[in-house]
């Protein structure tokens, strides 16, 4: 067995890594979708679609924007290994 063969991941490792990557991709997209939903809810509230105060809608919309743009990066940082 050569050094190259020892350093190459097995098929099981490759499948496990691919499955983990798919799950993480789904989580990141779910976080983005939730952020988008919060933005849309905030816009609806600020436009008077409910009896809630418009200021609440503005706060929700801004919070949703922050969640949409910055929360996925924060979540991904938690998954990084020390080697990266």
Protein backbone atom coordinates (compact mmCIF):
# COMPACT_ATOMS: atom_id res chain seq x y z
CA UNK A 1 0.00 0.00 0.00
CA UNK A 2 1.49 3.34 -1.01
CA UNK A 3 1.30 6.59 0.95
CA UNK A 4 -1.19 7.88 -1.59
CA UNK A 5 -3.57 4.99 -0.90
CA UNK A 6 -3.37 5.49 2.88
CA UNK A 7 -4.24 9.19 2.63
CA UNK A 8 -7.21 8.64 0.35
CA UNK A 9 -10.55 8.34 2.18
CA UNK A 10 -12.48 5.12 1.83
CA UNK A 11 -15.77 4.94 -0.03
CA UNK A 12 -17.65 4.83 3.27
CA UNK A 13 -15.90 8.00 4.45
CA UNK A 14 -16.65 9.72 1.16
CA UNK A 15 -20.33 8.77 1.40
CA UNK A 16 -20.51 9.94 5.01
CA UNK A 17 -18.86 13.24 4.09
CA UNK A 18 -21.27 13.72 1.17
CA UNK A 19 -24.28 13.02 3.40
CA UNK A 20 -22.99 15.46 6.02
CA UNK A 21 -22.43 18.12 3.37
CA UNK A 22 -26.00 17.67 2.08
CA UNK A 23 -27.41 18.05 5.59
CA UNK A 24 -25.36 21.16 6.25
CA UNK A 25 -26.40 22.65 2.90
CA UNK A 26 -30.04 22.01 3.79
CA UNK A 27 -29.61 23.65 7.21
CA UNK A 28 -27.99 26.74 5.69
CA UNK A 29 -30.80 27.09 3.17
CA UNK A 30 -33.42 26.57 5.88
CA UNK A 31 -31.81 29.37 7.91
CA UNK A 32 -31.98 31.63 4.85
CA UNK A 33 -35.63 30.74 4.21
CA UNK A 34 -36.57 31.47 7.81
CA UNK A 35 -34.80 34.82 7.56
CA UNK A 36 -36.71 35.58 4.36
CA UNK A 37 -39.98 34.62 6.03
CA UNK A 38 -39.26 36.97 8.92
CA UNK A 39 -38.51 39.78 6.45
CA UNK A 40 -41.79 39.20 4.61
CA UNK A 41 -43.74 39.03 7.86
CA UNK A 42 -42.13 42.26 9.00
CA UNK A 43 -43.03 43.99 5.74
CA UNK A 44 -46.62 42.78 5.99
CA UNK A 45 -46.91 44.04 9.56
CA UNK A 46 -45.35 47.40 8.72
CA UNK A 47 -47.83 47.84 5.86
CA UNK A 48 -50.80 47.34 8.17
CA UNK A 49 -51.80 43.77 7.28
CA UNK A 50 -52.32 43.06 10.99
CA UNK A 51 -53.23 45.04 14.08
CA UNK A 52 -49.63 44.90 15.30
CA UNK A 53 -47.74 48.19 15.54
CA UNK A 54 -45.79 49.09 12.38
CA UNK A 55 -42.61 49.55 14.44
CA UNK A 56 -42.73 45.82 15.22
CA UNK A 57 -42.81 45.11 11.51
CA UNK A 58 -39.75 47.24 10.89
CA UNK A 59 -37.85 45.50 13.71
CA UNK A 60 -38.83 42.09 12.33
CA UNK A 61 -37.83 43.02 8.79
CA UNK A 62 -34.43 44.24 9.92
CA UNK A 63 -33.93 41.16 12.10
CA UNK A 64 -34.83 38.96 9.15
CA UNK A 65 -32.29 40.71 6.95
CA UNK A 66 -29.58 40.15 9.53
CA UNK A 67 -30.59 36.50 9.84
CA UNK A 68 -30.66 36.05 6.07
CA UNK A 69 -27.24 37.54 5.38
CA UNK A 70 -25.17 36.84 8.50
CA UNK A 71 -26.60 33.85 10.36
CA UNK A 72 -25.60 31.25 7.71
CA UNK A 73 -21.97 32.41 7.91
CA UNK A 74 -22.06 32.17 11.69
CA UNK A 75 -23.52 28.67 11.57
CA UNK A 76 -20.94 27.56 9.00
CA UNK A 77 -18.09 28.86 11.15
CA UNK A 78 -19.21 26.52 13.91
CA UNK A 79 -18.72 23.56 11.54
CA UNK A 80 -15.16 24.37 10.53
CA UNK A 81 -12.43 22.13 11.81
CA UNK A 82 -9.23 23.37 13.39
CA UNK A 83 -7.30 22.37 10.26
CA UNK A 84 -9.22 24.79 8.03
